[in-house]
Amino acid sequence: MISFFTKNIWWKLLSLVAAFFIWMEVASEPELATVVAVPVEYKNFPKDLEISSNIIDSVEVEARGASGLLRELTDSKIAAIVDFSDVREPGERTVSLSREQLNLPRGIALMRIMPAQLRFKFEKRMTKLLPVQVPYSGILPAGLAIESLEVIPRGLTVAGPESRVESVNRVTTDPFDLTHVTGDTQQKLSVYVAEPEVRFVGAPQVTVKVHVTKNR
């Protein structure tokens, strides 16, 4: 047992001295406070559910500690991790943020998180096939008129929180430019949906074919 303590004793003493001076350096640093913006990351999103409330992408964290440790905190890539593994049904949920979600380095004291709680509203995910509306821009040359319009595909599928999807009844293309049309023509146009919480399932593009005739 004695040989265990005496073996390589000089290396052990050197390690203790080095640790002591490191501790003295940290202990002698002034204690400071700082506020840093920390990103919020989400994991284990519930299957077939969507968040229809505003999603917070960052929170403010007030922390105190030795100046050297605070510099490391500012440079480190910490994040507030929100776990949705226990969310299985639609409804409202409140998540209280604490030190556990932040995984702060040792020696850093957490004073507060702003906001300290995040509120979420979960809804069922819904998909819906919507008709495509095509607006025009410009004016046909004199003597021409639009006889028919064909949109391929006629409708596009969107997805999102149930209430947001139900509020949308159509999607709209960029304007079809008639200025230089002299006969039957087609244009590939991008399509957008007015509700920001609703997204397209597939490419948001259609081909629009216009058949024109001459006025008599």
C-alpha atoms as a PDB file:
ATOM      1  CA  MET A   1       0.000   0.000   0.000  1.00  0.00           C
ATOM      2  CA  ILE A   2       2.866   2.392   0.900  1.00  0.00           C
ATOM      3  CA  SER A   3       4.537   1.695  -2.440  1.00  0.00           C
ATOM      4  CA  PHE A   4       1.371   2.886  -4.196  1.00  0.00           C
ATOM      5  CA  PHE A   5       1.792   6.375  -2.716  1.00  0.00           C
ATOM      6  CA  THR A   6       5.584   6.519  -3.097  1.00  0.00           C
ATOM      7  CA  LYS A   7       5.741   5.206  -6.660  1.00  0.00           C
ATOM      8  CA  ASN A   8       6.451   8.065  -9.085  1.00  0.00           C
ATOM      9  CA  ILE A   9       6.107  10.432  -6.156  1.00  0.00           C
ATOM     10  CA  TRP A  10       7.866  13.305  -7.900  1.00  0.00           C
ATOM     11  CA  TRP A  11       5.422  13.196 -10.831  1.00  0.00           C
ATOM     12  CA  LYS A  12       2.505  13.136  -8.405  1.00  0.00           C
ATOM     13  CA  LEU A  13       3.871  16.079  -6.466  1.00  0.00           C
ATOM     14  CA  LEU A  14       4.431  17.987  -9.709  1.00  0.00           C
ATOM     15  CA  SER A  15       0.821  17.317 -10.734  1.00  0.00           C
ATOM     16  CA  LEU A  16      -0.457  18.574  -7.380  1.00  0.00           C
ATOM     17  CA  VAL A  17       1.611  21.743  -7.648  1.00  0.00           C
ATOM     18  CA  ALA A  18       0.373  22.372 -11.211  1.00  0.00           C
ATOM     19  CA  ALA A  19      -3.240  21.807 -10.131  1.00  0.00           C
ATOM     20  CA  PHE A  20      -2.761  24.189  -7.214  1.00  0.00           C
ATOM     21  CA  PHE A  21      -1.447  26.994  -9.430  1.00  0.00           C
ATOM     22  CA  ILE A  22      -4.264  26.478 -11.946  1.00  0.00           C
ATOM     23  CA  TRP A  23      -6.778  26.692  -9.099  1.00  0.00           C
ATOM     24  CA  MET A  24      -5.076  29.831  -7.785  1.00  0.00           C
ATOM     25  CA  GLU A  25      -5.244  31.433 -11.224  1.00  0.00           C
ATOM     26  CA  VAL A  26      -8.945  30.708 -11.595  1.00  0.00           C
ATOM     27  CA  ALA A  27      -9.721  31.696  -8.004  1.00  0.00           C
ATOM     28  CA  SER A  28      -7.895  34.999  -8.408  1.00  0.00           C
ATOM     29  CA  GLU A  29      -9.899  35.980 -11.478  1.00  0.00           C
ATOM     30  CA  PRO A  30     -12.709  38.463 -10.792  1.00  0.00           C
ATOM     31  CA  GLU A  31     -16.235  37.099 -10.830  1.00  0.00           C
ATOM     32  CA  LEU A  32     -18.234  38.623 -13.640  1.00  0.00           C
ATOM     33  CA  ALA A  33     -21.721  38.301 -15.070  1.00  0.00           C
ATOM     34  CA  THR A  34     -22.723  38.066 -18.694  1.00  0.00           C
ATOM     35  CA  VAL A  35     -25.808  37.590 -20.834  1.00  0.00           C
ATOM     36  CA  VAL A  36     -25.487  35.419 -23.923  1.00  0.00           C
ATOM     37  CA  ALA A  37     -27.962  34.416 -26.620  1.00  0.00           C
ATOM     38  CA  VAL A  38     -28.323  30.645 -26.689  1.00  0.00           C
ATOM     39  CA  PRO A  39     -30.014  28.791 -29.563  1.00  0.00           C
ATOM     40  CA  VAL A  40     -32.953  26.525 -28.756  1.00  0.00           C
ATOM     41  CA  GLU A  41     -32.791  23.069 -30.313  1.00  0.00           C
ATOM     42  CA  TYR A  42     -35.671  20.597 -30.462  1.00  0.00           C
ATOM     43  CA  LYS A  43     -35.545  16.810 -30.509  1.00  0.00           C
ATOM     44  CA  ASN A  44     -37.992  13.896 -30.622  1.00  0.00           C
ATOM     45  CA  PHE A  45     -40.744  15.748 -32.486  1.00  0.00           C
ATOM     46  CA  PRO A  46     -44.009  13.819 -32.038  1.00  0.00           C
ATOM     47  CA  LYS A  47     -45.106  11.732 -35.005  1.00  0.00           C
ATOM     48  CA  ASP A  48     -48.073  13.126 -36.993  1.00  0.00           C
ATOM     49  CA  LEU A  49     -48.183  16.331 -34.924  1.00  0.00           C
ATOM     50  CA  GLU A  50     -47.227  19.912 -35.858  1.00  0.00           C
ATOM     51  CA  ILE A  51     -46.455  23.007 -33.798  1.00  0.00           C
ATOM     52  CA  SER A  52     -48.902  25.772 -34.732  1.00  0.00           C
ATOM     53  CA  SER A  53     -47.648  28.341 -32.191  1.00  0.00           C
ATOM     54  CA  ASN A  54     -44.603  30.538 -32.632  1.00  0.00           C
ATOM     55  CA  ILE A  55     -41.339  28.622 -32.282  1.00  0.00           C
ATOM     56  CA  ILE A  56     -38.651  30.330 -30.205  1.00  0.00           C
ATOM     57  CA  ASP A  57     -35.228  29.975 -31.824  1.00  0.00           C
ATOM     58  CA  SER A  58     -33.107  31.459 -29.009  1.00  0.00           C
ATOM     59  CA  VAL A  59     -33.206  32.502 -25.346  1.00  0.00           C
ATOM     60  CA  GLU A  60     -31.116  34.870 -23.234  1.00  0.00           C
ATOM     61  CA  VAL A  61     -29.000  33.269 -20.504  1.00  0.00           C
ATOM     62  CA  GLU A  62     -27.571  35.295 -17.592  1.00  0.00           C
ATOM     63  CA  ALA A  63     -24.606  33.554 -15.974  1.00  0.00           C
ATOM     64  CA  ARG A  64     -21.864  34.368 -13.448  1.00  0.00           C
ATOM     65  CA  GLY A  65     -18.391  33.013 -12.945  1.00  0.00           C
ATOM     66  CA  ALA A  66     -14.688  33.708 -13.278  1.00  0.00           C
ATOM     67  CA  SER A  67     -13.851  35.872 -16.278  1.00  0.00           C
ATOM     68  CA  GLY A  68     -11.907  33.078 -17.962  1.00  0.00           C
ATOM     69  CA  LEU A  69     -14.801  30.654 -17.635  1.00  0.00           C
ATOM     70  CA  LEU A  70     -17.235  33.217 -18.992  1.00  0.00           C
ATOM     71  CA  ARG A  71     -15.039  33.719 -22.042  1.00  0.00           C
ATOM     72  CA  GLU A  72     -15.196  29.973 -22.632  1.00  0.00           C
ATOM     73  CA  LEU A  73     -18.973  30.119 -22.221  1.00  0.00           C
ATOM     74  CA  THR A  74     -19.236  32.806 -24.895  1.00  0.00           C
ATOM     75  CA  ASP A  75     -17.030  30.821 -27.273  1.00  0.00           C
ATOM     76  CA  SER A  76     -18.628  27.428 -26.605  1.00  0.00           C
ATOM     77  CA  LYS A  77     -21.544  26.101 -28.606  1.00  0.00           C
ATOM     78  CA  ILE A  78     -24.070  25.478 -25.831  1.00  0.00           C
ATOM     79  CA  ALA A  79     -27.757  25.196 -26.636  1.00  0.00           C
ATOM     80  CA  ALA A  80     -31.055  24.822 -24.793  1.00  0.00           C
ATOM     81  CA  ILE A  81     -32.313  21.345 -25.703  1.00  0.00           C
ATOM     82  CA  VAL A  82     -36.104  20.876 -25.631  1.00  0.00           C
ATOM     83  CA  ASP A  83     -37.248  17.244 -25.644  1.00  0.00           C
ATOM     84  CA  PHE A  84     -40.734  16.428 -26.963  1.00  0.00           C
ATOM     85  CA  SER A  85     -40.555  12.685 -26.300  1.00  0.00           C
ATOM     86  CA  ASP A  86     -43.514  12.824 -23.873  1.00  0.00           C
ATOM     87  CA  VAL A  87     -45.830  14.682 -26.307  1.00  0.00           C
ATOM     88  CA  ARG A  88     -48.194  12.259 -28.026  1.00  0.00           C
ATOM     89  CA  GLU A  89     -51.519  14.095 -28.389  1.00  0.00           C
ATOM     90  CA  PRO A  90     -52.667  17.507 -29.694  1.00  0.00           C
ATOM     91  CA  GLY A  91     -52.891  20.278 -27.112  1.00  0.00           C
ATOM     92  CA  GLU A  92     -50.863  22.942 -25.345  1.00  0.00           C
ATOM     93  CA  ARG A  93     -47.626  22.187 -23.525  1.00  0.00           C
ATOM     94  CA  THR A  94     -45.346  24.322 -21.318  1.00  0.00           C
ATOM     95  CA  VAL A  95     -41.626  23.576 -21.122  1.00  0.00           C
ATOM     96  CA  SER A  96     -39.660  25.067 -18.204  1.00  0.00           C
ATOM     97  CA  LEU A  97     -36.004  25.679 -19.000  1.00  0.00           C
ATOM     98  CA  SER A  98     -33.326  24.913 -16.410  1.00  0.00           C
ATOM     99  CA  ARG A  99     -29.625  24.208 -16.117  1.00  0.00           C
ATOM    100  CA  GLU A 100     -30.228  20.615 -17.222  1.00  0.00           C
ATOM    101  CA  GLN A 101     -31.281  21.684 -20.722  1.00  0.00           C
ATOM    102  CA  LEU A 102     -28.282  24.016 -21.062  1.00  0.00           C
ATOM    103  CA  ASN A 103     -25.442  21.712 -19.980  1.00  0.00           C
ATOM    104  CA  LEU A 104     -23.376  24.641 -18.686  1.00  0.00           C
ATOM    105  CA  PRO A 105     -19.669  24.124 -17.953  1.00  0.00           C
ATOM    106  CA  ARG A 106     -18.589  23.581 -14.346  1.00  0.00           C
ATOM    107  CA  GLY A 107     -17.884  26.738 -12.395  1.00  0.00           C
ATOM    108  CA  ILE A 108     -20.600  28.724 -14.193  1.00  0.00           C
ATOM    109  CA  ALA A 109     -23.555  29.793 -12.040  1.00  0.00           C
ATOM    110  CA  LEU A 110     -26.873  30.130 -13.853  1.00  0.00           C
ATOM    111  CA  MET A 111     -28.768  33.224 -12.685  1.00  0.00           C
ATOM    112  CA  ARG A 112     -31.770  33.164 -14.999  1.00  0.00           C
ATOM    113  CA  ILE A 113     -33.082  32.246 -18.453  1.00  0.00           C
ATOM    114  CA  MET A 114     -35.223  34.677 -20.407  1.00  0.00           C
ATOM    115  CA  PRO A 115     -37.839  33.478 -21.148  1.00  0.00           C
ATOM    116  CA  ALA A 116     -37.764  30.746 -18.525  1.00  0.00           C
ATOM    117  CA  GLN A 117     -40.741  28.909 -20.026  1.00  0.00           C
ATOM    118  CA  LEU A 118     -41.723  28.088 -23.592  1.00  0.00           C
ATOM    119  CA  ARG A 119     -45.341  27.495 -24.612  1.00  0.00           C
ATOM    120  CA  PHE A 120     -46.280  25.263 -27.545  1.00  0.00           C
ATOM    121  CA  LYS A 121     -49.523  24.346 -29.248  1.00  0.00           C
ATOM    122  CA  PHE A 122     -49.560  20.972 -30.994  1.00  0.00           C
ATOM    123  CA  GLU A 123     -52.054  20.085 -33.715  1.00  0.00           C
ATOM    124  CA  LYS A 124     -52.574  17.100 -35.962  1.00  0.00           C
ATOM    125  CA  ARG A 125     -50.638  17.187 -39.220  1.00  0.00           C
ATOM    126  CA  MET A 126     -52.992  17.603 -42.184  1.00  0.00           C
ATOM    127  CA  THR A 127     -52.488  17.327 -45.931  1.00  0.00           C
ATOM    128  CA  LYS A 128     -54.761  18.848 -48.547  1.00  0.00           C
ATOM    129  CA  LEU A 129     -54.915  19.074 -52.346  1.00  0.00           C
ATOM    130  CA  LEU A 130     -55.446  22.701 -53.391  1.00  0.00           C
ATOM    131  CA  PRO A 131     -56.357  24.194 -56.763  1.00  0.00           C
ATOM    132  CA  VAL A 132     -53.840  26.472 -58.473  1.00  0.00           C
ATOM    133  CA  GLN A 133     -54.781  30.073 -59.297  1.00  0.00           C
ATOM    134  CA  VAL A 134     -52.916  31.806 -62.145  1.00  0.00           C
ATOM    135  CA  PRO A 135     -52.821  35.638 -62.223  1.00  0.00           C
ATOM    136  CA  TYR A 136     -51.746  37.543 -65.339  1.00  0.00           C
ATOM    137  CA  SER A 137     -49.354  40.409 -65.864  1.00  0.00           C
ATOM    138  CA  GLY A 138     -49.060  42.626 -68.918  1.00  0.00           C
ATOM    139  CA  ILE A 139     -51.572  42.915 -71.771  1.00  0.00           C
ATOM    140  CA  LEU A 140     -52.023  40.707 -74.809  1.00  0.00           C
ATOM    141  CA  PRO A 141     -51.087  42.321 -78.121  1.00  0.00           C
ATOM    142  CA  ALA A 142     -54.007  43.902 -79.968  1.00  0.00           C
ATOM    143  CA  GLY A 143     -56.220  41.448 -81.800  1.00  0.00           C
ATOM    144  CA  LEU A 144     -55.568  38.460 -79.497  1.00  0.00           C
ATOM    145  CA  ALA A 145     -57.691  36.916 -76.752  1.00  0.00           C
ATOM    146  CA  ILE A 146     -57.218  34.042 -74.298  1.00  0.00           C
ATOM    147  CA  GLU A 147     -59.384  31.098 -75.308  1.00  0.00           C
ATOM    148  CA  SER A 148     -58.326  28.544 -72.702  1.00  0.00           C
ATOM    149  CA  LEU A 149     -55.881  27.974 -69.849  1.00  0.00           C
ATOM    150  CA  GLU A 150     -54.396  24.657 -68.733  1.00  0.00           C
ATOM    151  CA  VAL A 151     -52.455  24.140 -65.505  1.00  0.00           C
ATOM    152  CA  ILE A 152     -50.303  21.013 -65.073  1.00  0.00           C
ATOM    153  CA  PRO A 153     -50.785  19.682 -62.465  1.00  0.00           C
ATOM    154  CA  ARG A 154     -54.180  21.204 -61.687  1.00  0.00           C
ATOM    155  CA  GLY A 155     -53.602  21.057 -57.940  1.00  0.00           C
ATOM    156  CA  LEU A 156     -50.741  20.807 -55.449  1.00  0.00           C
ATOM    157  CA  THR A 157     -50.650  19.082 -52.071  1.00  0.00           C
ATOM    158  CA  VAL A 158     -49.768  21.052 -48.949  1.00  0.00           C
ATOM    159  CA  ALA A 159     -49.169  19.987 -45.349  1.00  0.00           C
ATOM    160  CA  GLY A 160     -49.068  21.646 -41.938  1.00  0.00           C
ATOM    161  CA  PRO A 161     -51.005  22.127 -38.690  1.00  0.00           C
ATOM    162  CA  GLU A 162     -54.661  21.213 -39.145  1.00  0.00           C
ATOM    163  CA  SER A 163     -56.108  24.679 -38.411  1.00  0.00           C
ATOM    164  CA  ARG A 164     -53.655  26.419 -40.753  1.00  0.00           C
ATOM    165  CA  VAL A 165     -54.226  24.000 -43.621  1.00  0.00           C
ATOM    166  CA  GLU A 166     -58.005  24.267 -43.267  1.00  0.00           C
ATOM    167  CA  SER A 167     -57.757  28.073 -43.581  1.00  0.00           C
ATOM    168  CA  VAL A 168     -56.178  27.834 -47.047  1.00  0.00           C
ATOM    169  CA  ASN A 169     -58.393  27.188 -50.082  1.00  0.00           C
ATOM    170  CA  ARG A 170     -55.970  27.734 -52.986  1.00  0.00           C
ATOM    171  CA  VAL A 171     -52.360  28.339 -53.962  1.00  0.00           C
ATOM    172  CA  THR A 172     -51.185  31.006 -56.395  1.00  0.00           C
ATOM    173  CA  THR A 173     -48.548  31.101 -59.103  1.00  0.00           C
ATOM    174  CA  ASP A 174     -46.287  33.968 -60.039  1.00  0.00           C
ATOM    175  CA  PRO A 175     -47.984  36.098 -62.729  1.00  0.00           C
ATOM    176  CA  PHE A 176     -48.157  34.695 -66.261  1.00  0.00           C
ATOM    177  CA  ASP A 177     -46.636  37.395 -68.490  1.00  0.00           C
ATOM    178  CA  LEU A 178     -48.844  38.152 -71.534  1.00  0.00           C
ATOM    179  CA  THR A 179     -46.748  40.999 -72.904  1.00  0.00           C
ATOM    180  CA  HIS A 180     -44.940  39.082 -75.637  1.00  0.00           C
ATOM    181  CA  VAL A 181     -47.488  36.338 -76.304  1.00  0.00           C
ATOM    182  CA  THR A 182     -48.269  36.040 -80.038  1.00  0.00           C
ATOM    183  CA  GLY A 183     -49.750  32.517 -80.076  1.00  0.00           C
ATOM    184  CA  ASP A 184     -50.184  29.377 -77.989  1.00  0.00           C
ATOM    185  CA  THR A 185     -47.474  29.331 -75.329  1.00  0.00           C
ATOM    186  CA  GLN A 186     -46.529  27.867 -71.964  1.00  0.00           C
ATOM    187  CA  GLN A 187     -44.539  28.990 -68.955  1.00  0.00           C
ATOM    188  CA  LYS A 188     -43.191  27.142 -65.915  1.00  0.00           C
ATOM    189  CA  LEU A 189     -44.181  29.144 -62.849  1.00  0.00           C
ATOM    190  CA  SER A 190     -43.378  28.973 -59.150  1.00  0.00           C
ATOM    191  CA  VAL A 191     -46.290  28.596 -56.736  1.00  0.00           C
ATOM    192  CA  TYR A 192     -46.671  30.032 -53.247  1.00  0.00           C
ATOM    193  CA  VAL A 193     -49.087  29.559 -50.354  1.00  0.00           C
ATOM    194  CA  ALA A 194     -50.138  32.570 -48.295  1.00  0.00           C
ATOM    195  CA  GLU A 195     -50.073  30.768 -44.920  1.00  0.00           C
ATOM    196  CA  PRO A 196     -46.454  30.650 -43.632  1.00  0.00           C
ATOM    197  CA  GLU A 197     -47.064  27.562 -41.447  1.00  0.00           C
ATOM    198  CA  VAL A 198     -48.196  25.551 -44.481  1.00  0.00           C
ATOM    199  CA  ARG A 199     -45.652  23.925 -46.811  1.00  0.00           C
ATOM    200  CA  PHE A 200     -45.773  22.117 -50.123  1.00  0.00           C
ATOM    201  CA  VAL A 201     -45.425  18.355 -50.435  1.00  0.00           C
ATOM    202  CA  GLY A 202     -43.251  18.184 -53.528  1.00  0.00           C
ATOM    203  CA  ALA A 203     -41.922  20.863 -55.852  1.00  0.00           C
ATOM    204  CA  PRO A 204     -43.905  24.166 -55.774  1.00  0.00           C
ATOM    205  CA  GLN A 205     -44.013  24.570 -59.557  1.00  0.00           C
ATOM    206  CA  VAL A 206     -46.573  24.128 -62.326  1.00  0.00           C
ATOM    207  CA  THR A 207     -46.628  24.429 -66.115  1.00  0.00           C
ATOM    208  CA  VAL A 208     -49.226  26.851 -67.434  1.00  0.00           C
ATOM    209  CA  LYS A 209     -50.375  26.543 -71.058  1.00  0.00           C
ATOM    210  CA  VAL A 210     -52.310  29.375 -72.686  1.00  0.00           C
ATOM    211  CA  HIS A 211     -54.263  28.975 -75.937  1.00  0.00           C
ATOM    212  CA  VAL A 212     -55.003  32.274 -77.700  1.00  0.00           C
ATOM    213  CA  THR A 213     -57.201  33.171 -80.652  1.00  0.00           C
ATOM    214  CA  LYS A 214     -57.446  36.173 -82.949  1.00  0.00           C
ATOM    215  CA  ASN A 215     -60.355  38.517 -82.471  1.00  0.00           C
ATOM    216  CA  ARG A 216     -62.668  38.732 -85.426  1.00  0.00           C
END
